[in-house]
PDB file of N, CA and C in Angstrom:
ATOM      1  N   MET A   1     115.546 128.137  86.113  1.00  0.00           N
ATOM      2  CA  MET A   1     115.267 127.901  84.711  1.00  0.00           C
ATOM      3  C   MET A   1     116.387 127.057  84.110  1.00  0.00           C
ATOM      4  N   ILE A   2     116.009 126.170  83.240  1.00  0.00           N
ATOM      5  CA  ILE A   2     116.969 125.332  82.523  1.00  0.00           C
ATOM      6  C   ILE A   2     116.797 125.619  81.037  1.00  0.00           C
ATOM      7  N   THR A   3     117.882 125.976  80.376  1.00  0.00           N
ATOM      8  CA  THR A   3     117.813 126.263  78.948  1.00  0.00           C
ATOM      9  C   THR A   3     118.138 125.010  78.140  1.00  0.00           C
ATOM     10  N   SER A   4     117.790 125.023  76.865  1.00  0.00           N
ATOM     11  CA  SER A   4     118.039 123.855  76.015  1.00  0.00           C
ATOM     12  C   SER A   4     119.529 123.543  75.900  1.00  0.00           C
ATOM     13  N   GLU A   5     120.391 124.555  76.051  1.00  0.00           N
ATOM     14  CA  GLU A   5     121.829 124.314  75.989  1.00  0.00           C
ATOM     15  C   GLU A   5     122.330 123.529  77.203  1.00  0.00           C
ATOM     16  N   GLU A   6     121.590 123.563  78.291  1.00  0.00           N
ATOM     17  CA  GLU A   6     121.996 122.887  79.523  1.00  0.00           C
ATOM     18  C   GLU A   6     121.488 121.445  79.610  1.00  0.00           C
ATOM     19  N   VAL A   7     120.599 121.062  78.732  1.00  0.00           N
ATOM     20  CA  VAL A   7     119.976 119.746  78.783  1.00  0.00           C
ATOM     21  C   VAL A   7     120.791 118.758  77.955  1.00  0.00           C
ATOM     22  N   MET A   8     121.104 117.618  78.555  1.00  0.00           N
ATOM     23  CA  MET A   8     121.876 116.589  77.882  1.00  0.00           C
ATOM     24  C   MET A   8     120.936 115.535  77.289  1.00  0.00           C
ATOM     25  N   ILE A   9     121.151 115.190  76.021  1.00  0.00           N
ATOM     26  CA  ILE A   9     120.364 114.156  75.352  1.00  0.00           C
ATOM     27  C   ILE A   9     121.287 112.986  75.036  1.00  0.00           C
ATOM     28  N   GLU A  10     120.865 111.777  75.447  1.00  0.00           N
ATOM     29  CA  GLU A  10     121.632 110.562  75.175  1.00  0.00           C
ATOM     30  C   GLU A  10     120.736 109.554  74.475  1.00  0.00           C
ATOM     31  N   ARG A  11     121.339 108.720  73.645  1.00  0.00           N
ATOM     32  CA  ARG A  11     120.598 107.669  72.950  1.00  0.00           C
ATOM     33  C   ARG A  11     121.102 106.304  73.428  1.00  0.00           C
ATOM     34  N   PHE A  12     120.131 105.438  73.725  1.00  0.00           N
ATOM     35  CA  PHE A  12     120.422 104.079  74.168  1.00  0.00           C
ATOM     36  C   PHE A  12     119.528 103.144  73.361  1.00  0.00           C
ATOM     37  N   GLY A  13     120.007 102.648  72.248  1.00  0.00           N
ATOM     38  CA  GLY A  13     119.182 101.761  71.419  1.00  0.00           C
ATOM     39  C   GLY A  13     117.924 102.465  70.951  1.00  0.00           C
ATOM     40  N   VAL A  14     116.760 101.969  71.364  1.00  0.00           N
ATOM     41  CA  VAL A  14     115.483 102.541  70.933  1.00  0.00           C
ATOM     42  C   VAL A  14     115.045 103.716  71.805  1.00  0.00           C
ATOM     43  N   LEU A  15     115.891 104.114  72.771  1.00  0.00           N
ATOM     44  CA  LEU A  15     115.539 105.194  73.689  1.00  0.00           C
ATOM     45  C   LEU A  15     116.314 106.463  73.381  1.00  0.00           C
ATOM     46  N   GLU A  16     115.636 107.604  73.530  1.00  0.00           N
ATOM     47  CA  GLU A  16     116.298 108.903  73.533  1.00  0.00           C
ATOM     48  C   GLU A  16     115.972 109.545  74.870  1.00  0.00           C
ATOM     49  N   VAL A  17     116.987 109.787  75.679  1.00  0.00           N
ATOM     50  CA  VAL A  17     116.798 110.267  77.050  1.00  0.00           C
ATOM     51  C   VAL A  17     117.282 111.704  77.163  1.00  0.00           C
ATOM     52  N   THR A  18     116.387 112.572  77.606  1.00  0.00           N
ATOM     53  CA  THR A  18     116.719 113.966  77.866  1.00  0.00           C
ATOM     54  C   THR A  18     116.686 114.163  79.375  1.00  0.00           C
ATOM     55  N   ALA A  19     117.856 114.350  79.978  1.00  0.00           N
ATOM     56  CA  ALA A  19     117.945 114.530  81.427  1.00  0.00           C
ATOM     57  C   ALA A  19     117.554 115.964  81.764  1.00  0.00           C
ATOM     58  N   LEU A  20     116.353 116.148  82.310  1.00  0.00           N
ATOM     59  CA  LEU A  20     115.866 117.488  82.642  1.00  0.00           C
ATOM     60  C   LEU A  20     116.417 117.951  83.981  1.00  0.00           C
ATOM     61  N   LEU A  21     116.339 117.098  84.979  1.00  0.00           N
ATOM     62  CA  LEU A  21     116.906 117.368  86.310  1.00  0.00           C
ATOM     63  C   LEU A  21     117.645 116.106  86.749  1.00  0.00           C
ATOM     64  N   PRO A  22     118.939 116.016  86.474  1.00  0.00           N
ATOM     65  CA  PRO A  22     119.668 114.787  86.789  1.00  0.00           C
ATOM     66  C   PRO A  22     119.725 114.456  88.277  1.00  0.00           C
ATOM     67  N   ASP A  23     119.713 115.483  89.129  1.00  0.00           N
ATOM     68  CA  ASP A  23     119.737 115.243  90.576  1.00  0.00           C
ATOM     69  C   ASP A  23     119.132 116.461  91.260  1.00  0.00           C
ATOM     70  N   ALA A  24     117.873 116.325  91.615  1.00  0.00           N
ATOM     71  CA  ALA A  24     117.145 117.444  92.229  1.00  0.00           C
ATOM     72  C   ALA A  24     116.702 117.036  93.630  1.00  0.00           C
ATOM     73  N   GLY A  25     117.618 117.112  94.569  1.00  0.00           N
ATOM     74  CA  GLY A  25     117.267 116.831  95.951  1.00  0.00           C
ATOM     75  C   GLY A  25     116.697 115.457  96.192  1.00  0.00           C
ATOM     76  N   GLY A  26     117.353 114.433  95.683  1.00  0.00           N
ATOM     77  CA  GLY A  26     116.922 113.071  95.960  1.00  0.00           C
ATOM     78  C   GLY A  26     116.118 112.413  94.863  1.00  0.00           C
ATOM     79  N   LEU A  27     115.896 113.117  93.742  1.00  0.00           N
ATOM     80  CA  LEU A  27     115.205 112.493  92.610  1.00  0.00           C
ATOM     81  C   LEU A  27     115.760 113.052  91.318  1.00  0.00           C
ATOM     82  N   SER A  28     115.433 112.371  90.226  1.00  0.00           N
ATOM     83  CA  SER A  28     115.819 112.849  88.900  1.00  0.00           C
ATOM     84  C   SER A  28     114.579 112.843  88.012  1.00  0.00           C
ATOM     85  N   VAL A  29     114.601 113.724  87.016  1.00  0.00           N
ATOM     86  CA  VAL A  29     113.494 113.831  86.070  1.00  0.00           C
ATOM     87  C   VAL A  29     114.080 113.803  84.665  1.00  0.00           C
ATOM     88  N   ALA A  30     113.483 112.972  83.806  1.00  0.00           N
ATOM     89  CA  ALA A  30     113.957 112.869  82.427  1.00  0.00           C
ATOM     90  C   ALA A  30     112.762 112.683  81.490  1.00  0.00           C
ATOM     91  N   ARG A  31     112.953 113.105  80.270  1.00  0.00           N
ATOM     92  CA  ARG A  31     111.970 112.829  79.215  1.00  0.00           C
ATOM     93  C   ARG A  31     112.568 111.717  78.371  1.00  0.00           C
ATOM     94  N   ILE A  32     111.781 110.662  78.137  1.00  0.00           N
ATOM     95  CA  ILE A  32     112.271 109.495  77.417  1.00  0.00           C
ATOM     96  C   ILE A  32     111.387 109.240  76.206  1.00  0.00           C
ATOM     97  N   GLY A  33     112.016 109.165  75.060  1.00  0.00           N
ATOM     98  CA  GLY A  33     111.317 108.777  73.839  1.00  0.00           C
ATOM     99  C   GLY A  33     111.617 107.321  73.554  1.00  0.00           C
ATOM    100  N   VAL A  34     110.575 106.530  73.385  1.00  0.00           N
ATOM    101  CA  VAL A  34     110.720 105.105  73.052  1.00  0.00           C
ATOM    102  C   VAL A  34     110.216 104.929  71.622  1.00  0.00           C
ATOM    103  N   SER A  35     111.045 104.333  70.789  1.00  0.00           N
ATOM    104  CA  SER A  35     110.643 104.068  69.410  1.00  0.00           C
ATOM    105  C   SER A  35     111.088 102.659  69.052  1.00  0.00           C
ATOM    106  N   GLY A  36     110.257 101.688  69.421  1.00  0.00           N
ATOM    107  CA  GLY A  36     110.595 100.292  69.200  1.00  0.00           C
ATOM    108  C   GLY A  36     110.490  99.497  70.480  1.00  0.00           C
ATOM    109  N   GLU A  37     111.305  98.452  70.583  1.00  0.00           N
ATOM    110  CA  GLU A  37     111.266  97.561  71.742  1.00  0.00           C
ATOM    111  C   GLU A  37     112.582  97.634  72.510  1.00  0.00           C
ATOM    112  N   ASN A  38     112.502  98.064  73.750  1.00  0.00           N
ATOM    113  CA  ASN A  38     113.664  98.146  74.623  1.00  0.00           C
ATOM    114  C   ASN A  38     114.016  96.750  75.146  1.00  0.00           C
ATOM    115  N   ARG A  39     115.234  96.571  75.615  1.00  0.00           N
ATOM    116  CA  ARG A  39     115.636  95.301  76.217  1.00  0.00           C
ATOM    117  C   ARG A  39     115.022  95.167  77.609  1.00  0.00           C
ATOM    118  N   ARG A  40     114.887  93.917  78.088  1.00  0.00           N
ATOM    119  CA  ARG A  40     114.443  93.700  79.472  1.00  0.00           C
ATOM    120  C   ARG A  40     115.537  94.209  80.396  1.00  0.00           C
ATOM    121  N   LEU A  41     115.132  94.858  81.483  1.00  0.00           N
ATOM    122  CA  LEU A  41     116.107  95.430  82.386  1.00  0.00           C
ATOM    123  C   LEU A  41     115.586  95.497  83.805  1.00  0.00           C
ATOM    124  N   ARG A  42     116.513  95.824  84.703  1.00  0.00           N
ATOM    125  CA  ARG A  42     116.188  95.992  86.115  1.00  0.00           C
ATOM    126  C   ARG A  42     117.067  97.128  86.634  1.00  0.00           C
ATOM    127  N   ASN A  43     116.453  98.063  87.365  1.00  0.00           N
ATOM    128  CA  ASN A  43     117.203  99.124  88.023  1.00  0.00           C
ATOM    129  C   ASN A  43     117.344  98.712  89.486  1.00  0.00           C
ATOM    130  N   THR A  44     118.570  98.505  89.934  1.00  0.00           N
ATOM    131  CA  THR A  44     118.799  98.001  91.285  1.00  0.00           C
ATOM    132  C   THR A  44     118.875  99.118  92.334  1.00  0.00           C
ATOM    133  N   LYS A  45     118.796 100.376  91.884  1.00  0.00           N
ATOM    134  CA  LYS A  45     118.963 101.494  92.809  1.00  0.00           C
ATOM    135  C   LYS A  45     117.708 102.346  92.994  1.00  0.00           C
ATOM    136  N   SER A  46     116.950 102.588  91.918  1.00  0.00           N
ATOM    137  CA  SER A  46     115.878 103.587  91.966  1.00  0.00           C
ATOM    138  C   SER A  46     114.493 103.008  91.750  1.00  0.00           C
ATOM    139  N   ASP A  47     113.525 103.595  92.445  1.00  0.00           N
ATOM    140  CA  ASP A  47     112.114 103.433  92.096  1.00  0.00           C
ATOM    141  C   ASP A  47     111.835 104.463  91.010  1.00  0.00           C
ATOM    142  N   SER A  48     111.020 104.103  90.017  1.00  0.00           N
ATOM    143  CA  SER A  48     110.733 105.042  88.932  1.00  0.00           C
ATOM    144  C   SER A  48     109.254 105.055  88.598  1.00  0.00           C
ATOM    145  N   ALA A  49     108.773 106.249  88.267  1.00  0.00           N
ATOM    146  CA  ALA A  49     107.405 106.426  87.781  1.00  0.00           C
ATOM    147  C   ALA A  49     107.504 106.982  86.371  1.00  0.00           C
ATOM    148  N   TYR A  50     106.764 106.364  85.456  1.00  0.00           N
ATOM    149  CA  TYR A  50     106.755 106.774  84.056  1.00  0.00           C
ATOM    150  C   TYR A  50     105.365 107.282  83.699  1.00  0.00           C
ATOM    151  N   TYR A  51     105.278 108.571  83.364  1.00  0.00           N
ATOM    152  CA  TYR A  51     104.014 109.174  82.931  1.00  0.00           C
ATOM    153  C   TYR A  51     104.042 109.237  81.414  1.00  0.00           C
ATOM    154  N   VAL A  52     103.005 108.700  80.768  1.00  0.00           N
ATOM    155  CA  VAL A  52     102.939 108.686  79.308  1.00  0.00           C
ATOM    156  C   VAL A  52     102.397 110.037  78.838  1.00  0.00           C
ATOM    157  N   ILE A  53     103.286 110.840  78.244  1.00  0.00           N
ATOM    158  CA  ILE A  53     102.896 112.144  77.714  1.00  0.00           C
ATOM    159  C   ILE A  53     102.087 111.959  76.431  1.00  0.00           C
ATOM    160  N   SER A  54     102.594 111.101  75.539  1.00  0.00           N
ATOM    161  CA  SER A  54     101.886 110.836  74.283  1.00  0.00           C
ATOM    162  C   SER A  54     102.315 109.482  73.738  1.00  0.00           C
ATOM    163  N   GLY A  55     101.528 109.004  72.774  1.00  0.00           N
ATOM    164  CA  GLY A  55     101.835 107.748  72.109  1.00  0.00           C
ATOM    165  C   GLY A  55     101.130 106.560  72.735  1.00  0.00           C
ATOM    166  N   THR A  56     101.454 105.386  72.180  1.00  0.00           N
ATOM    167  CA  THR A  56     100.913 104.126  72.691  1.00  0.00           C
ATOM    168  C   THR A  56     102.024 103.091  72.723  1.00  0.00           C
ATOM    169  N   GLY A  57     101.843 102.107  73.578  1.00  0.00           N
ATOM    170  CA  GLY A  57     102.826 101.046  73.692  1.00  0.00           C
ATOM    171  C   GLY A  57     102.462 100.121  74.828  1.00  0.00           C
ATOM    172  N   ALA A  58     103.474  99.537  75.435  1.00  0.00           N
ATOM    173  CA  ALA A  58     103.234  98.594  76.524  1.00  0.00           C
ATOM    174  C   ALA A  58     104.450  98.520  77.430  1.00  0.00           C
ATOM    175  N   PHE A  59     104.198  98.180  78.684  1.00  0.00           N
ATOM    176  CA  PHE A  59     105.228  97.787  79.636  1.00  0.00           C
ATOM    177  C   PHE A  59     104.976  96.319  79.924  1.00  0.00           C
ATOM    178  N   VAL A  60     106.040  95.540  80.031  1.00  0.00           N
ATOM    179  CA  VAL A  60     105.930  94.131  80.385  1.00  0.00           C
ATOM    180  C   VAL A  60     106.489  93.982  81.795  1.00  0.00           C
ATOM    181  N   LEU A  61     105.621  93.552  82.719  1.00  0.00           N
ATOM    182  CA  LEU A  61     105.994  93.358  84.126  1.00  0.00           C
ATOM    183  C   LEU A  61     105.623  91.937  84.527  1.00  0.00           C
ATOM    184  N   ASP A  62     106.571  91.201  85.065  1.00  0.00           N
ATOM    185  CA  ASP A  62     106.331  89.814  85.478  1.00  0.00           C
ATOM    186  C   ASP A  62     105.716  88.993  84.351  1.00  0.00           C
ATOM    187  N   GLY A  63     106.184  89.217  83.119  1.00  0.00           N
ATOM    188  CA  GLY A  63     105.688  88.476  81.974  1.00  0.00           C
ATOM    189  C   GLY A  63     104.318  88.901  81.483  1.00  0.00           C
ATOM    190  N   ARG A  64     103.727  89.890  82.113  1.00  0.00           N
ATOM    191  CA  ARG A  64     102.391  90.370  81.743  1.00  0.00           C
ATOM    192  C   ARG A  64     102.501  91.688  80.988  1.00  0.00           C
ATOM    193  N   GLU A  65     101.939  91.744  79.784  1.00  0.00           N
ATOM    194  CA  GLU A  65     101.983  92.953  78.977  1.00  0.00           C
ATOM    195  C   GLU A  65     100.848  93.890  79.391  1.00  0.00           C
ATOM    196  N   ILE A  66     101.211  95.141  79.703  1.00  0.00           N
ATOM    197  CA  ILE A  66     100.234  96.140  80.132  1.00  0.00           C
ATOM    198  C   ILE A  66     100.229  97.260  79.098  1.00  0.00           C
ATOM    199  N   PRO A  67      99.147  97.375  78.311  1.00  0.00           N
ATOM    200  CA  PRO A  67      99.082  98.450  77.318  1.00  0.00           C
ATOM    201  C   PRO A  67      99.040  99.814  78.008  1.00  0.00           C
ATOM    202  N   VAL A  68      99.713 100.802  77.405  1.00  0.00           N
ATOM    203  CA  VAL A  68      99.714 102.156  77.951  1.00  0.00           C
ATOM    204  C   VAL A  68      99.456 103.159  76.830  1.00  0.00           C
ATOM    205  N   ALA A  69      98.903 104.313  77.232  1.00  0.00           N
ATOM    206  CA  ALA A  69      98.632 105.410  76.303  1.00  0.00           C
ATOM    207  C   ALA A  69      98.727 106.718  77.074  1.00  0.00           C
ATOM    208  N   ALA A  70      98.613 107.814  76.360  1.00  0.00           N
ATOM    209  CA  ALA A  70      98.727 109.145  76.965  1.00  0.00           C
ATOM    210  C   ALA A  70      97.858 109.250  78.213  1.00  0.00           C
ATOM    211  N   GLY A  71      98.456 109.772  79.292  1.00  0.00           N
ATOM    212  CA  GLY A  71      97.756 109.962  80.551  1.00  0.00           C
ATOM    213  C   GLY A  71      97.963 108.848  81.556  1.00  0.00           C
ATOM    214  N   ASP A  72      98.520 107.710  81.127  1.00  0.00           N
ATOM    215  CA  ASP A  72      98.766 106.593  82.045  1.00  0.00           C
ATOM    216  C   ASP A  72     100.048 106.823  82.836  1.00  0.00           C
ATOM    217  N   LEU A  73     100.103 106.235  84.021  1.00  0.00           N
ATOM    218  CA  LEU A  73     101.279 106.293  84.886  1.00  0.00           C
ATOM    219  C   LEU A  73     101.649 104.874  85.282  1.00  0.00           C
ATOM    220  N   VAL A  74     102.928 104.529  85.102  1.00  0.00           N
ATOM    221  CA  VAL A  74     103.422 103.198  85.454  1.00  0.00           C
ATOM    222  C   VAL A  74     104.498 103.366  86.525  1.00  0.00           C
ATOM    223  N   PHE A  75     104.341 102.666  87.647  1.00  0.00           N
ATOM    224  CA  PHE A  75     105.338 102.703  88.723  1.00  0.00           C
ATOM    225  C   PHE A  75     106.150 101.421  88.678  1.00  0.00           C
ATOM    226  N   ILE A  76     107.473 101.562  88.668  1.00  0.00           N
ATOM    227  CA  ILE A  76     108.381 100.416  88.652  1.00  0.00           C
ATOM    228  C   ILE A  76     109.256 100.495  89.912  1.00  0.00           C
ATOM    229  N   PRO A  77     109.040  99.612  90.886  1.00  0.00           N
ATOM    230  CA  PRO A  77     109.892  99.633  92.077  1.00  0.00           C
ATOM    231  C   PRO A  77     111.300  99.117  91.751  1.00  0.00           C
ATOM    232  N   ARG A  78     112.273  99.575  92.501  1.00  0.00           N
ATOM    233  CA  ARG A  78     113.653  99.116  92.285  1.00  0.00           C
ATOM    234  C   ARG A  78     113.692  97.596  92.337  1.00  0.00           C
ATOM    235  N   GLY A  79     114.502  97.022  91.443  1.00  0.00           N
ATOM    236  CA  GLY A  79     114.649  95.577  91.400  1.00  0.00           C
ATOM    237  C   GLY A  79     113.648  94.863  90.516  1.00  0.00           C
ATOM    238  N   GLN A  80     112.596  95.546  90.066  1.00  0.00           N
ATOM    239  CA  GLN A  80     111.556  94.944  89.216  1.00  0.00           C
ATOM    240  C   GLN A  80     112.092  94.780  87.795  1.00  0.00           C
ATOM    241  N   VAL A  81     111.983  93.587  87.231  1.00  0.00           N
ATOM    242  CA  VAL A  81     112.347  93.368  85.836  1.00  0.00           C
ATOM    243  C   VAL A  81     111.199  93.887  84.978  1.00  0.00           C
ATOM    244  N   TYR A  82     111.541  94.663  83.946  1.00  0.00           N
ATOM    245  CA  TYR A  82     110.507  95.193  83.060  1.00  0.00           C
ATOM    246  C   TYR A  82     111.071  95.453  81.672  1.00  0.00           C
ATOM    247  N   GLN A  83     110.161  95.737  80.778  1.00  0.00           N
ATOM    248  CA  GLN A  83     110.508  96.073  79.399  1.00  0.00           C
ATOM    249  C   GLN A  83     109.451  97.053  78.914  1.00  0.00           C
ATOM    250  N   ASP A  84     109.861  98.011  78.086  1.00  0.00           N
ATOM    251  CA  ASP A  84     108.897  98.925  77.488  1.00  0.00           C
ATOM    252  C   ASP A  84     109.043  98.889  75.974  1.00  0.00           C
ATOM    253  N   ARG A  85     107.936  99.175  75.294  1.00  0.00           N
ATOM    254  CA  ARG A  85     107.963  99.150  73.830  1.00  0.00           C
ATOM    255  C   ARG A  85     106.836  99.998  73.279  1.00  0.00           C
ATOM    256  N   GLY A  86     107.003 100.367  72.028  1.00  0.00           N
ATOM    257  CA  GLY A  86     105.985 101.151  71.336  1.00  0.00           C
ATOM    258  C   GLY A  86     106.552 102.449  70.815  1.00  0.00           C
ATOM    259  N   GLU A  87     105.669 103.389  70.586  1.00  0.00           N
ATOM    260  CA  GLU A  87     106.026 104.753  70.202  1.00  0.00           C
ATOM    261  C   GLU A  87     105.527 105.631  71.330  1.00  0.00           C
ATOM    262  N   LEU A  88     106.398 105.921  72.291  1.00  0.00           N
ATOM    263  CA  LEU A  88     106.005 106.581  73.528  1.00  0.00           C
ATOM    264  C   LEU A  88     106.873 107.791  73.814  1.00  0.00           C
ATOM    265  N   ASP A  89     106.269 108.803  74.392  1.00  0.00           N
ATOM    266  CA  ASP A  89     106.974 109.945  74.944  1.00  0.00           C
ATOM    267  C   ASP A  89     106.647 109.929  76.434  1.00  0.00           C
ATOM    268  N   LEU A  90     107.665 109.681  77.272  1.00  0.00           N
ATOM    269  CA  LEU A  90     107.470 109.468  78.702  1.00  0.00           C
ATOM    270  C   LEU A  90     108.159 110.553  79.523  1.00  0.00           C
ATOM    271  N   LEU A  91     107.585 110.856  80.674  1.00  0.00           N
ATOM    272  CA  LEU A  91     108.254 111.650  81.689  1.00  0.00           C
ATOM    273  C   LEU A  91     108.600 110.679  82.807  1.00  0.00           C
ATOM    274  N   ALA A  92     109.893 110.559  83.121  1.00  0.00           N
ATOM    275  CA  ALA A  92     110.353 109.605  84.127  1.00  0.00           C
ATOM    276  C   ALA A  92     110.858 110.350  85.362  1.00  0.00           C
ATOM    277  N   VAL A  93     110.365 109.936  86.525  1.00  0.00           N
ATOM    278  CA  VAL A  93     110.823 110.473  87.798  1.00  0.00           C
ATOM    279  C   VAL A  93     111.380 109.308  88.599  1.00  0.00           C
ATOM    280  N   SER A  94     112.650 109.425  89.008  1.00  0.00           N
ATOM    281  CA  SER A  94     113.318 108.339  89.726  1.00  0.00           C
ATOM    282  C   SER A  94     113.856 108.831  91.062  1.00  0.00           C
ATOM    283  N   SER A  95     113.733 107.964  92.085  1.00  0.00           N
ATOM    284  CA  SER A  95     114.258 108.277  93.408  1.00  0.00           C
ATOM    285  C   SER A  95     114.839 107.006  94.025  1.00  0.00           C
ATOM    286  N   PRO A  96     116.088 107.045  94.509  1.00  0.00           N
ATOM    287  CA  PRO A  96     117.058 108.116  94.348  1.00  0.00           C
ATOM    288  C   PRO A  96     117.335 108.395  92.872  1.00  0.00           C
ATOM    289  N   PRO A  97     118.083 109.469  92.559  1.00  0.00           N
ATOM    290  CA  PRO A  97     118.317 109.832  91.164  1.00  0.00           C
ATOM    291  C   PRO A  97     118.832 108.666  90.321  1.00  0.00           C
ATOM    292  N   PHE A  98     118.409 108.642  89.064  1.00  0.00           N
ATOM    293  CA  PHE A  98     118.818 107.604  88.124  1.00  0.00           C
ATOM    294  C   PHE A  98     120.336 107.530  88.037  1.00  0.00           C
ATOM    295  N   ASP A  99     120.852 106.302  88.015  1.00  0.00           N
ATOM    296  CA  ASP A  99     122.282 106.040  87.885  1.00  0.00           C
ATOM    297  C   ASP A  99     122.426 104.890  86.898  1.00  0.00           C
ATOM    298  N   ALA A 100     122.963 105.200  85.722  1.00  0.00           N
ATOM    299  CA  ALA A 100     123.079 104.196  84.651  1.00  0.00           C
ATOM    300  C   ALA A 100     123.868 102.966  85.098  1.00  0.00           C
ATOM    301  N   SER A 101     124.798 103.115  86.036  1.00  0.00           N
ATOM    302  CA  SER A 101     125.589 101.958  86.474  1.00  0.00           C
ATOM    303  C   SER A 101     124.757 100.980  87.309  1.00  0.00           C
ATOM    304  N   ALA A 102     123.550 101.374  87.724  1.00  0.00           N
ATOM    305  CA  ALA A 102     122.684 100.503  88.523  1.00  0.00           C
ATOM    306  C   ALA A 102     121.664  99.763  87.656  1.00  0.00           C
ATOM    307  N   VAL A 103     121.767  99.902  86.344  1.00  0.00           N
ATOM    308  CA  VAL A 103     120.838  99.232  85.432  1.00  0.00           C
ATOM    309  C   VAL A 103     121.464  97.939  84.918  1.00  0.00           C
ATOM    310  N   GLU A 104     120.729  96.846  85.073  1.00  0.00           N
ATOM    311  CA  GLU A 104     121.166  95.539  84.576  1.00  0.00           C
ATOM    312  C   GLU A 104     120.302  95.156  83.383  1.00  0.00           C
ATOM    313  N   TYR A 105     120.909  94.932  82.222  1.00  0.00           N
ATOM    314  CA  TYR A 105     120.176  94.477  81.041  1.00  0.00           C
ATOM    315  C   TYR A 105     120.188  92.955  81.045  1.00  0.00           C
ATOM    316  N   LEU A 106     119.041  92.349  80.811  1.00  0.00           N
ATOM    317  CA  LEU A 106     118.887  90.903  80.958  1.00  0.00           C
ATOM    318  C   LEU A 106     118.834  90.167  79.614  1.00  0.00           C
ATOM    319  N   ASP A 107     118.806  90.877  78.520  1.00  0.00           N
ATOM    320  CA  ASP A 107     118.783  90.259  77.184  1.00  0.00           C
ATOM    321  C   ASP A 107     120.049  90.611  76.425  1.00  0.00           C
TER     322      ASP A 107
END
C-alpha cells in the first residue's frame, strides 16, 4: 500500500506529475495532469504508454496531431519526439523507469 504522504508531486510547466511507483521492478508508474501545451520532447531512455483517464487533448507525433480522449492509449517508444496538450489526466507507465535526466526538450 502507498499512502498519500509517500507520493511525491512535482510540477513541470503545464504538467503536474504524481510518481505512484517510481521504480517497480523495471518500470515506473505516474499520474500526469496536463493543462495547456507541453514543450516538444524526447525521452532517450524509456518507452512509455499513456492511458487517458479523463479529459481531451492531443499528442503530436512526427508532426501529426492525434486527438485523444478518455479511454485512449498512446505508446511512445524511446527516442520518439512528441508533444502533448489539452486538459488531460494521464496514467503513464515507463520502462525502464522514468529518469528526468534522459528527457531532452527541443523547444
